[in-house]
């Protein structure tokens, strides 16, 4: 089983999703101080977060990332949201846009 599939399974399971979100949040927080590392972590997670089965877990993760500053202006939640959610549905599903 590959990493993408394993993370999707963890995030898609109501019993394992909260712990997986906590661990992913820690991983993003630790990488946020280095732009290159953060970009690799973010770009590795984006494909995992796509898909209907884990939509709720994806939103929960983005909520957990709201207070992680990426570059002093953008928080990780907004960065993930902008890259993950199709612009056509952003008006339907909105994310808090307060900066970190």
PDB file of N, CA and C in Angstrom:
ATOM      1  N   UNK A   1       0.855  -1.176   0.000  1.00  0.00           N
ATOM      2  CA  UNK A   1       0.000   0.000   0.000  1.00  0.00           C
ATOM      3  C   UNK A   1       0.903   1.242   0.000  1.00  0.00           C
ATOM      4  N   UNK A   2       0.575   2.200  -0.835  1.00  0.00           N
ATOM      5  CA  UNK A   2       1.385   3.415  -0.886  1.00  0.00           C
ATOM      6  C   UNK A   2       0.952   4.412   0.193  1.00  0.00           C
ATOM      7  N   UNK A   3       1.788   5.431   0.395  1.00  0.00           N
ATOM      8  CA  UNK A   3       1.537   6.404   1.454  1.00  0.00           C
ATOM      9  C   UNK A   3       0.234   7.180   1.230  1.00  0.00           C
ATOM     10  N   UNK A   4      -0.031   7.557  -0.004  1.00  0.00           N
ATOM     11  CA  UNK A   4      -1.260   8.310  -0.302  1.00  0.00           C
ATOM     12  C   UNK A   4      -2.474   7.495   0.118  1.00  0.00           C
ATOM     13  N   UNK A   5      -2.504   6.250  -0.278  1.00  0.00           N
ATOM     14  CA  UNK A   5      -3.647   5.380   0.043  1.00  0.00           C
ATOM     15  C   UNK A   5      -3.761   5.165   1.553  1.00  0.00           C
ATOM     16  N   UNK A   6      -2.621   4.975   2.219  1.00  0.00           N
ATOM     17  CA  UNK A   6      -2.636   4.763   3.668  1.00  0.00           C
ATOM     18  C   UNK A   6      -3.193   5.991   4.394  1.00  0.00           C
ATOM     19  N   UNK A   7      -2.743   7.185   3.999  1.00  0.00           N
ATOM     20  CA  UNK A   7      -3.257   8.406   4.627  1.00  0.00           C
ATOM     21  C   UNK A   7      -4.738   8.610   4.331  1.00  0.00           C
ATOM     22  N   UNK A   8      -5.160   8.296   3.103  1.00  0.00           N
ATOM     23  CA  UNK A   8      -6.575   8.418   2.764  1.00  0.00           C
ATOM     24  C   UNK A   8      -7.410   7.468   3.618  1.00  0.00           C
ATOM     25  N   UNK A   9      -6.891   6.254   3.835  1.00  0.00           N
ATOM     26  CA  UNK A   9      -7.612   5.301   4.682  1.00  0.00           C
ATOM     27  C   UNK A   9      -7.715   5.812   6.116  1.00  0.00           C
ATOM     28  N   UNK A  10      -6.612   6.358   6.643  1.00  0.00           N
ATOM     29  CA  UNK A  10      -6.622   6.887   8.008  1.00  0.00           C
ATOM     30  C   UNK A  10      -7.578   8.070   8.143  1.00  0.00           C
ATOM     31  N   UNK A  11      -7.549   8.972   7.171  1.00  0.00           N
ATOM     32  CA  UNK A  11      -8.411  10.148   7.215  1.00  0.00           C
ATOM     33  C   UNK A  11      -9.869   9.811   6.946  1.00  0.00           C
ATOM     34  N   UNK A  12     -10.107   8.750   6.211  1.00  0.00           N
ATOM     35  CA  UNK A  12     -11.468   8.354   5.867  1.00  0.00           C
ATOM     36  C   UNK A  12     -12.159   7.532   6.940  1.00  0.00           C
ATOM     37  N   UNK A  13     -11.432   7.114   7.950  1.00  0.00           N
ATOM     38  CA  UNK A  13     -11.981   6.300   9.031  1.00  0.00           C
ATOM     39  C   UNK A  13     -12.277   7.194  10.230  1.00  0.00           C
ATOM     40  N   UNK A  14     -13.502   7.205  10.683  1.00  0.00           N
ATOM     41  CA  UNK A  14     -13.915   8.077  11.780  1.00  0.00           C
ATOM     42  C   UNK A  14     -13.101   7.831  13.052  1.00  0.00           C
ATOM     43  N   UNK A  15     -12.600   6.610  13.231  1.00  0.00           N
ATOM     44  CA  UNK A  15     -11.830   6.287  14.431  1.00  0.00           C
ATOM     45  C   UNK A  15     -10.388   6.779  14.361  1.00  0.00           C
ATOM     46  N   UNK A  16      -9.809   6.807  13.180  1.00  0.00           N
ATOM     47  CA  UNK A  16      -8.395   7.180  13.053  1.00  0.00           C
ATOM     48  C   UNK A  16      -8.181   8.606  12.547  1.00  0.00           C
ATOM     49  N   UNK A  17      -9.214   9.225  11.990  1.00  0.00           N
ATOM     50  CA  UNK A  17      -9.066  10.566  11.402  1.00  0.00           C
ATOM     51  C   UNK A  17      -8.573  11.614  12.407  1.00  0.00           C
ATOM     52  N   UNK A  18      -9.122  11.695  13.627  1.00  0.00           N
ATOM     53  CA  UNK A  18      -8.655  12.747  14.539  1.00  0.00           C
ATOM     54  C   UNK A  18      -7.158  12.654  14.852  1.00  0.00           C
ATOM     55  N   UNK A  19      -6.653  11.452  15.103  1.00  0.00           N
ATOM     56  CA  UNK A  19      -5.228  11.295  15.386  1.00  0.00           C
ATOM     57  C   UNK A  19      -4.390  11.624  14.155  1.00  0.00           C
ATOM     58  N   UNK A  20      -4.858  11.186  12.985  1.00  0.00           N
ATOM     59  CA  UNK A  20      -4.125  11.483  11.743  1.00  0.00           C
ATOM     60  C   UNK A  20      -4.072  12.991  11.508  1.00  0.00           C
ATOM     61  N   UNK A  21      -5.164  13.689  11.760  1.00  0.00           N
ATOM     62  CA  UNK A  21      -5.200  15.147  11.588  1.00  0.00           C
ATOM     63  C   UNK A  21      -4.229  15.813  12.557  1.00  0.00           C
ATOM     64  N   UNK A  22      -4.208  15.355  13.800  1.00  0.00           N
ATOM     65  CA  UNK A  22      -3.267  15.924  14.778  1.00  0.00           C
ATOM     66  C   UNK A  22      -1.820  15.722  14.326  1.00  0.00           C
ATOM     67  N   UNK A  23      -1.503  14.549  13.843  1.00  0.00           N
ATOM     68  CA  UNK A  23      -0.131  14.260  13.413  1.00  0.00           C
ATOM     69  C   UNK A  23       0.241  15.055  12.157  1.00  0.00           C
ATOM     70  N   UNK A  24      -0.690  15.175  11.217  1.00  0.00           N
ATOM     71  CA  UNK A  24      -0.426  15.961  10.009  1.00  0.00           C
ATOM     72  C   UNK A  24      -0.263  17.439  10.358  1.00  0.00           C
ATOM     73  N   UNK A  25      -1.064  17.923  11.300  1.00  0.00           N
ATOM     74  CA  UNK A  25      -0.943  19.317  11.738  1.00  0.00           C
ATOM     75  C   UNK A  25       0.436  19.570  12.342  1.00  0.00           C
ATOM     76  N   UNK A  26       0.906  18.652  13.153  1.00  0.00           N
ATOM     77  CA  UNK A  26       2.250  18.777  13.736  1.00  0.00           C
ATOM     78  C   UNK A  26       3.305  18.785  12.647  1.00  0.00           C
ATOM     79  N   UNK A  27       3.150  17.921  11.676  1.00  0.00           N
ATOM     80  CA  UNK A  27       4.104  17.826  10.566  1.00  0.00           C
ATOM     81  C   UNK A  27       4.155  19.145   9.789  1.00  0.00           C
ATOM     82  N   UNK A  28       2.982  19.704   9.483  1.00  0.00           N
ATOM     83  CA  UNK A  28       2.926  20.979   8.756  1.00  0.00           C
ATOM     84  C   UNK A  28       3.532  22.091   9.612  1.00  0.00           C
ATOM     85  N   UNK A  29       3.186  22.127  10.898  1.00  0.00           N
ATOM     86  CA  UNK A  29       3.718  23.160  11.798  1.00  0.00           C
ATOM     87  C   UNK A  29       5.249  23.111  11.822  1.00  0.00           C
ATOM     88  N   UNK A  30       5.808  21.920  11.915  1.00  0.00           N
ATOM     89  CA  UNK A  30       7.263  21.774  11.971  1.00  0.00           C
ATOM     90  C   UNK A  30       7.935  22.179  10.660  1.00  0.00           C
ATOM     91  N   UNK A  31       7.231  22.015   9.561  1.00  0.00           N
ATOM     92  CA  UNK A  31       7.824  22.350   8.264  1.00  0.00           C
ATOM     93  C   UNK A  31       7.612  23.810   7.871  1.00  0.00           C
ATOM     94  N   UNK A  32       6.708  24.509   8.554  1.00  0.00           N
ATOM     95  CA  UNK A  32       6.293  25.855   8.132  1.00  0.00           C
ATOM     96  C   UNK A  32       7.404  26.889   8.198  1.00  0.00           C
ATOM     97  N   UNK A  33       8.449  26.637   8.971  1.00  0.00           N
ATOM     98  CA  UNK A  33       9.521  27.620   9.091  1.00  0.00           C
ATOM     99  C   UNK A  33      10.495  27.582   7.918  1.00  0.00           C
ATOM    100  N   UNK A  34      10.439  26.523   7.130  1.00  0.00           N
ATOM    101  CA  UNK A  34      11.319  26.399   5.960  1.00  0.00           C
ATOM    102  C   UNK A  34      10.454  26.301   4.704  1.00  0.00           C
ATOM    103  N   UNK A  35      10.473  27.327   3.848  1.00  0.00           N
ATOM    104  CA  UNK A  35       9.583  27.337   2.675  1.00  0.00           C
ATOM    105  C   UNK A  35       9.720  26.110   1.768  1.00  0.00           C
ATOM    106  N   UNK A  36      10.921  25.621   1.552  1.00  0.00           N
ATOM    107  CA  UNK A  36      11.094  24.458   0.673  1.00  0.00           C
ATOM    108  C   UNK A  36      10.505  23.190   1.288  1.00  0.00           C
ATOM    109  N   UNK A  37      10.782  22.990   2.567  1.00  0.00           N
ATOM    110  CA  UNK A  37      10.240  21.816   3.254  1.00  0.00           C
ATOM    111  C   UNK A  37       8.721  21.900   3.314  1.00  0.00           C
ATOM    112  N   UNK A  38       8.206  23.077   3.657  1.00  0.00           N
ATOM    113  CA  UNK A  38       6.756  23.259   3.716  1.00  0.00           C
ATOM    114  C   UNK A  38       6.109  22.940   2.365  1.00  0.00           C
ATOM    115  N   UNK A  39       6.692  23.449   1.292  1.00  0.00           N
ATOM    116  CA  UNK A  39       6.131  23.210  -0.052  1.00  0.00           C
ATOM    117  C   UNK A  39       6.111  21.714  -0.370  1.00  0.00           C
ATOM    118  N   UNK A  40       7.166  20.992   0.001  1.00  0.00           N
ATOM    119  CA  UNK A  40       7.202  19.547  -0.250  1.00  0.00           C
ATOM    120  C   UNK A  40       6.131  18.819   0.564  1.00  0.00           C
ATOM    121  N   UNK A  41       5.989  19.202   1.833  1.00  0.00           N
ATOM    122  CA  UNK A  41       4.970  18.578   2.680  1.00  0.00           C
ATOM    123  C   UNK A  41       3.581  18.882   2.126  1.00  0.00           C
ATOM    124  N   UNK A  42       3.328  20.157   1.847  1.00  0.00           N
ATOM    125  CA  UNK A  42       2.023  20.571   1.325  1.00  0.00           C
ATOM    126  C   UNK A  42       1.706  19.860   0.011  1.00  0.00           C
ATOM    127  N   UNK A  43       2.654  19.879  -0.913  1.00  0.00           N
ATOM    128  CA  UNK A  43       2.419  19.275  -2.222  1.00  0.00           C
ATOM    129  C   UNK A  43       2.260  17.765  -2.134  1.00  0.00           C
ATOM    130  N   UNK A  44       2.867  17.151  -1.126  1.00  0.00           N
ATOM    131  CA  UNK A  44       2.681  15.716  -0.914  1.00  0.00           C
ATOM    132  C   UNK A  44       1.322  15.389  -0.323  1.00  0.00           C
ATOM    133  N   UNK A  45       0.783  16.299   0.482  1.00  0.00           N
ATOM    134  CA  UNK A  45      -0.510  16.064   1.123  1.00  0.00           C
ATOM    135  C   UNK A  45      -1.706  16.416   0.239  1.00  0.00           C
ATOM    136  N   UNK A  46      -1.544  17.363  -0.662  1.00  0.00           N
ATOM    137  CA  UNK A  46      -2.689  17.794  -1.472  1.00  0.00           C
ATOM    138  C   UNK A  46      -3.375  16.640  -2.206  1.00  0.00           C
ATOM    139  N   UNK A  47      -2.640  15.747  -2.876  1.00  0.00           N
ATOM    140  CA  UNK A  47      -3.323  14.641  -3.554  1.00  0.00           C
ATOM    141  C   UNK A  47      -4.060  13.722  -2.578  1.00  0.00           C
ATOM    142  N   UNK A  48      -3.559  13.603  -1.368  1.00  0.00           N
ATOM    143  CA  UNK A  48      -4.202  12.768  -0.349  1.00  0.00           C
ATOM    144  C   UNK A  48      -5.547  13.369   0.049  1.00  0.00           C
ATOM    145  N   UNK A  49      -5.614  14.692   0.095  1.00  0.00           N
ATOM    146  CA  UNK A  49      -6.805  15.374   0.593  1.00  0.00           C
ATOM    147  C   UNK A  49      -7.911  15.522  -0.441  1.00  0.00           C
ATOM    148  N   UNK A  50      -7.650  15.120  -1.651  1.00  0.00           N
ATOM    149  CA  UNK A  50      -8.682  15.201  -2.687  1.00  0.00           C
ATOM    150  C   UNK A  50      -9.538  13.948  -2.636  1.00  0.00           C
ATOM    151  N   UNK A  51     -10.811  14.119  -2.768  1.00  0.00           N
ATOM    152  CA  UNK A  51     -11.702  12.961  -2.788  1.00  0.00           C
ATOM    153  C   UNK A  51     -12.858  13.147  -1.831  1.00  0.00           C
ATOM    154  N   UNK A  52     -14.003  12.637  -2.228  1.00  0.00           N
ATOM    155  CA  UNK A  52     -15.224  12.831  -1.453  1.00  0.00           C
ATOM    156  C   UNK A  52     -15.211  12.097  -0.125  1.00  0.00           C
ATOM    157  N   UNK A  53     -14.568  10.952  -0.060  1.00  0.00           N
ATOM    158  CA  UNK A  53     -14.613  10.161   1.162  1.00  0.00           C
ATOM    159  C   UNK A  53     -13.930  10.852   2.334  1.00  0.00           C
ATOM    160  N   UNK A  54     -12.997  11.733   2.050  1.00  0.00           N
ATOM    161  CA  UNK A  54     -12.283  12.370   3.151  1.00  0.00           C
ATOM    162  C   UNK A  54     -12.501  13.880   3.174  1.00  0.00           C
ATOM    163  N   UNK A  55     -13.570  14.363   2.581  1.00  0.00           N
ATOM    164  CA  UNK A  55     -13.840  15.798   2.564  1.00  0.00           C
ATOM    165  C   UNK A  55     -13.901  16.361   3.981  1.00  0.00           C
ATOM    166  N   UNK A  56     -14.631  15.698   4.857  1.00  0.00           N
ATOM    167  CA  UNK A  56     -14.766  16.194   6.234  1.00  0.00           C
ATOM    168  C   UNK A  56     -13.410  16.231   6.925  1.00  0.00           C
ATOM    169  N   UNK A  57     -12.600  15.203   6.747  1.00  0.00           N
ATOM    170  CA  UNK A  57     -11.267  15.181   7.359  1.00  0.00           C
ATOM    171  C   UNK A  57     -10.392  16.281   6.767  1.00  0.00           C
ATOM    172  N   UNK A  58     -10.523  16.533   5.466  1.00  0.00           N
ATOM    173  CA  UNK A  58      -9.741  17.601   4.831  1.00  0.00           C
ATOM    174  C   UNK A  58     -10.090  18.956   5.428  1.00  0.00           C
ATOM    175  N   UNK A  59     -11.368  19.211   5.611  1.00  0.00           N
ATOM    176  CA  UNK A  59     -11.803  20.473   6.201  1.00  0.00           C
ATOM    177  C   UNK A  59     -11.333  20.562   7.653  1.00  0.00           C
ATOM    178  N   UNK A  60     -11.415  19.468   8.381  1.00  0.00           N
ATOM    179  CA  UNK A  60     -10.941  19.463   9.773  1.00  0.00           C
ATOM    180  C   UNK A  60      -9.452  19.754   9.842  1.00  0.00           C
ATOM    181  N   UNK A  61      -8.682  19.175   8.914  1.00  0.00           N
ATOM    182  CA  UNK A  61      -7.247  19.453   8.888  1.00  0.00           C
ATOM    183  C   UNK A  61      -6.999  20.923   8.597  1.00  0.00           C
ATOM    184  N   UNK A  62      -7.687  21.479   7.630  1.00  0.00           N
ATOM    185  CA  UNK A  62      -7.487  22.894   7.303  1.00  0.00           C
ATOM    186  C   UNK A  62      -7.860  23.789   8.480  1.00  0.00           C
ATOM    187  N   UNK A  63      -8.898  23.422   9.233  1.00  0.00           N
ATOM    188  CA  UNK A  63      -9.250  24.193  10.423  1.00  0.00           C
ATOM    189  C   UNK A  63      -8.125  24.116  11.455  1.00  0.00           C
ATOM    190  N   UNK A  64      -7.492  22.956  11.564  1.00  0.00           N
ATOM    191  CA  UNK A  64      -6.389  22.793  12.510  1.00  0.00           C
ATOM    192  C   UNK A  64      -5.153  23.581  12.082  1.00  0.00           C
ATOM    193  N   UNK A  65      -5.047  23.863  10.789  1.00  0.00           N
ATOM    194  CA  UNK A  65      -3.885  24.573  10.255  1.00  0.00           C
ATOM    195  C   UNK A  65      -4.037  26.094  10.276  1.00  0.00           C
ATOM    196  N   UNK A  66      -5.176  26.591  10.744  1.00  0.00           N
ATOM    197  CA  UNK A  66      -5.454  28.031  10.692  1.00  0.00           C
ATOM    198  C   UNK A  66      -4.432  28.893  11.419  1.00  0.00           C
ATOM    199  N   UNK A  67      -3.807  28.368  12.445  1.00  0.00           N
ATOM    200  CA  UNK A  67      -2.897  29.184  13.249  1.00  0.00           C
ATOM    201  C   UNK A  67      -1.430  28.907  12.954  1.00  0.00           C
ATOM    202  N   UNK A  68      -1.169  28.273  11.817  1.00  0.00           N
ATOM    203  CA  UNK A  68       0.212  28.014  11.417  1.00  0.00           C
ATOM    204  C   UNK A  68       0.567  28.994  10.309  1.00  0.00           C
ATOM    205  N   UNK A  69       1.491  29.892  10.614  1.00  0.00           N
ATOM    206  CA  UNK A  69       1.921  30.892   9.642  1.00  0.00           C
ATOM    207  C   UNK A  69       2.948  30.288   8.704  1.00  0.00           C
ATOM    208  N   UNK A  70       2.750  30.519   7.415  1.00  0.00           N
ATOM    209  CA  UNK A  70       3.663  29.983   6.414  1.00  0.00           C
ATOM    210  C   UNK A  70       4.732  31.001   6.062  1.00  0.00           C
ATOM    211  N   UNK A  71       4.328  32.227   5.811  1.00  0.00           N
ATOM    212  CA  UNK A  71       5.286  33.236   5.356  1.00  0.00           C
ATOM    213  C   UNK A  71       5.109  34.571   6.077  1.00  0.00           C
ATOM    214  N   UNK A  72       4.438  34.548   7.196  1.00  0.00           N
ATOM    215  CA  UNK A  72       4.181  35.778   7.928  1.00  0.00           C
ATOM    216  C   UNK A  72       2.906  36.476   7.490  1.00  0.00           C
ATOM    217  N   UNK A  73       2.391  36.122   6.332  1.00  0.00           N
ATOM    218  CA  UNK A  73       1.160  36.733   5.816  1.00  0.00           C
ATOM    219  C   UNK A  73       0.060  35.695   5.602  1.00  0.00           C
ATOM    220  N   UNK A  74       0.427  34.515   5.194  1.00  0.00           N
ATOM    221  CA  UNK A  74      -0.524  33.465   4.848  1.00  0.00           C
ATOM    222  C   UNK A  74      -0.504  32.386   5.904  1.00  0.00           C
ATOM    223  N   UNK A  75      -1.702  31.880   6.265  1.00  0.00           N
ATOM    224  CA  UNK A  75      -1.678  30.730   7.151  1.00  0.00           C
ATOM    225  C   UNK A  75      -1.787  29.464   6.305  1.00  0.00           C
ATOM    226  N   UNK A  76      -1.361  28.359   6.887  1.00  0.00           N
ATOM    227  CA  UNK A  76      -1.315  27.093   6.154  1.00  0.00           C
ATOM    228  C   UNK A  76      -2.702  26.668   5.681  1.00  0.00           C
ATOM    229  N   UNK A  77      -3.730  26.953   6.468  1.00  0.00           N
ATOM    230  CA  UNK A  77      -5.091  26.582   6.070  1.00  0.00           C
ATOM    231  C   UNK A  77      -5.475  27.246   4.757  1.00  0.00           C
ATOM    232  N   UNK A  78      -5.233  28.554   4.648  1.00  0.00           N
ATOM    233  CA  UNK A  78      -5.574  29.262   3.415  1.00  0.00           C
ATOM    234  C   UNK A  78      -4.740  28.763   2.236  1.00  0.00           C
ATOM    235  N   UNK A  79      -3.476  28.463   2.486  1.00  0.00           N
ATOM    236  CA  UNK A  79      -2.610  27.976   1.423  1.00  0.00           C
ATOM    237  C   UNK A  79      -3.108  26.629   0.889  1.00  0.00           C
ATOM    238  N   UNK A  80      -3.429  25.694   1.798  1.00  0.00           N
ATOM    239  CA  UNK A  80      -3.970  24.398   1.379  1.00  0.00           C
ATOM    240  C   UNK A  80      -5.304  24.598   0.650  1.00  0.00           C
ATOM    241  N   UNK A  81      -6.175  25.415   1.230  1.00  0.00           N
ATOM    242  CA  UNK A  81      -7.509  25.654   0.662  1.00  0.00           C
ATOM    243  C   UNK A  81      -7.402  26.167  -0.776  1.00  0.00           C
ATOM    244  N   UNK A  82      -6.542  27.166  -0.983  1.00  0.00           N
ATOM    245  CA  UNK A  82      -6.413  27.754  -2.312  1.00  0.00           C
ATOM    246  C   UNK A  82      -5.911  26.748  -3.346  1.00  0.00           C
ATOM    247  N   UNK A  83      -5.140  25.775  -2.920  1.00  0.00           N
ATOM    248  CA  UNK A  83      -4.584  24.793  -3.844  1.00  0.00           C
ATOM    249  C   UNK A  83      -5.454  23.550  -3.970  1.00  0.00           C
ATOM    250  N   UNK A  84      -6.329  23.347  -3.015  1.00  0.00           N
ATOM    251  CA  UNK A  84      -7.123  22.126  -2.975  1.00  0.00           C
ATOM    252  C   UNK A  84      -8.526  22.299  -3.548  1.00  0.00           C
ATOM    253  N   UNK A  85      -9.149  23.408  -3.230  1.00  0.00           N
ATOM    254  CA  UNK A  85     -10.564  23.597  -3.583  1.00  0.00           C
ATOM    255  C   UNK A  85     -10.687  24.315  -4.923  1.00  0.00           C
ATOM    256  N   UNK A  86     -11.485  23.739  -5.786  1.00  0.00           N
ATOM    257  CA  UNK A  86     -11.745  24.321  -7.097  1.00  0.00           C
ATOM    258  C   UNK A  86     -12.325  25.728  -6.915  1.00  0.00           C
ATOM    259  N   UNK A  87     -11.780  26.721  -7.628  1.00  0.00           N
ATOM    260  CA  UNK A  87     -12.278  28.104  -7.480  1.00  0.00           C
ATOM    261  C   UNK A  87     -13.786  28.240  -7.695  1.00  0.00           C
ATOM    262  N   UNK A  88     -14.361  27.367  -8.493  1.00  0.00           N
ATOM    263  CA  UNK A  88     -15.797  27.457  -8.776  1.00  0.00           C
ATOM    264  C   UNK A  88     -16.661  27.114  -7.578  1.00  0.00           C
ATOM    265  N   UNK A  89     -16.133  26.387  -6.598  1.00  0.00           N
ATOM    266  CA  UNK A  89     -16.950  26.022  -5.435  1.00  0.00           C
ATOM    267  C   UNK A  89     -16.530  26.752  -4.169  1.00  0.00           C
ATOM    268  N   UNK A  90     -15.541  27.632  -4.262  1.00  0.00           N
ATOM    269  CA  UNK A  90     -15.084  28.356  -3.067  1.00  0.00           C
ATOM    270  C   UNK A  90     -16.161  29.259  -2.490  1.00  0.00           C
ATOM    271  N   UNK A  91     -17.104  29.715  -3.312  1.00  0.00           N
ATOM    272  CA  UNK A  91     -18.181  30.556  -2.783  1.00  0.00           C
ATOM    273  C   UNK A  91     -19.193  29.723  -2.007  1.00  0.00           C
ATOM    274  N   UNK A  92     -19.278  28.432  -2.307  1.00  0.00           N
ATOM    275  CA  UNK A  92     -20.202  27.544  -1.601  1.00  0.00           C
ATOM    276  C   UNK A  92     -19.572  27.067  -0.299  1.00  0.00           C
ATOM    277  N   UNK A  93     -18.327  26.610  -0.382  1.00  0.00           N
ATOM    278  CA  UNK A  93     -17.576  26.134   0.779  1.00  0.00           C
ATOM    279  C   UNK A  93     -16.512  27.168   1.084  1.00  0.00           C
ATOM    280  N   UNK A  94     -16.717  27.916   2.158  1.00  0.00           N
ATOM    281  CA  UNK A  94     -15.773  28.984   2.475  1.00  0.00           C
ATOM    282  C   UNK A  94     -14.947  28.635   3.698  1.00  0.00           C
ATOM    283  N   UNK A  95     -13.758  29.201   3.730  1.00  0.00           N
ATOM    284  CA  UNK A  95     -12.832  29.003   4.839  1.00  0.00           C
ATOM    285  C   UNK A  95     -12.575  30.349   5.472  1.00  0.00           C
ATOM    286  N   UNK A  96     -12.429  30.353   6.783  1.00  0.00           N
ATOM    287  CA  UNK A  96     -12.093  31.584   7.497  1.00  0.00           C
ATOM    288  C   UNK A  96     -10.806  32.139   6.914  1.00  0.00           C
ATOM    289  N   UNK A  97     -10.786  33.392   6.502  1.00  0.00           N
ATOM    290  CA  UNK A  97      -9.626  34.003   5.847  1.00  0.00           C
ATOM    291  C   UNK A  97      -8.782  34.854   6.772  1.00  0.00           C
ATOM    292  N   UNK A  98      -8.946  34.705   8.081  1.00  0.00           N
ATOM    293  CA  UNK A  98      -8.088  35.453   9.016  1.00  0.00           C
ATOM    294  C   UNK A  98      -6.669  34.932   8.895  1.00  0.00           C
ATOM    295  N   UNK A  99      -5.695  35.833   8.857  1.00  0.00           N
ATOM    296  CA  UNK A  99      -4.301  35.401   8.752  1.00  0.00           C
ATOM    297  C   UNK A  99      -3.805  34.908  10.099  1.00  0.00           C
ATOM    298  N   UNK A 100      -2.684  34.174  10.044  1.00  0.00           N
ATOM    299  CA  UNK A 100      -2.127  33.561  11.260  1.00  0.00           C
ATOM    300  C   UNK A 100      -1.540  34.611  12.170  1.00  0.00           C
TER     301      UNK A 100
END
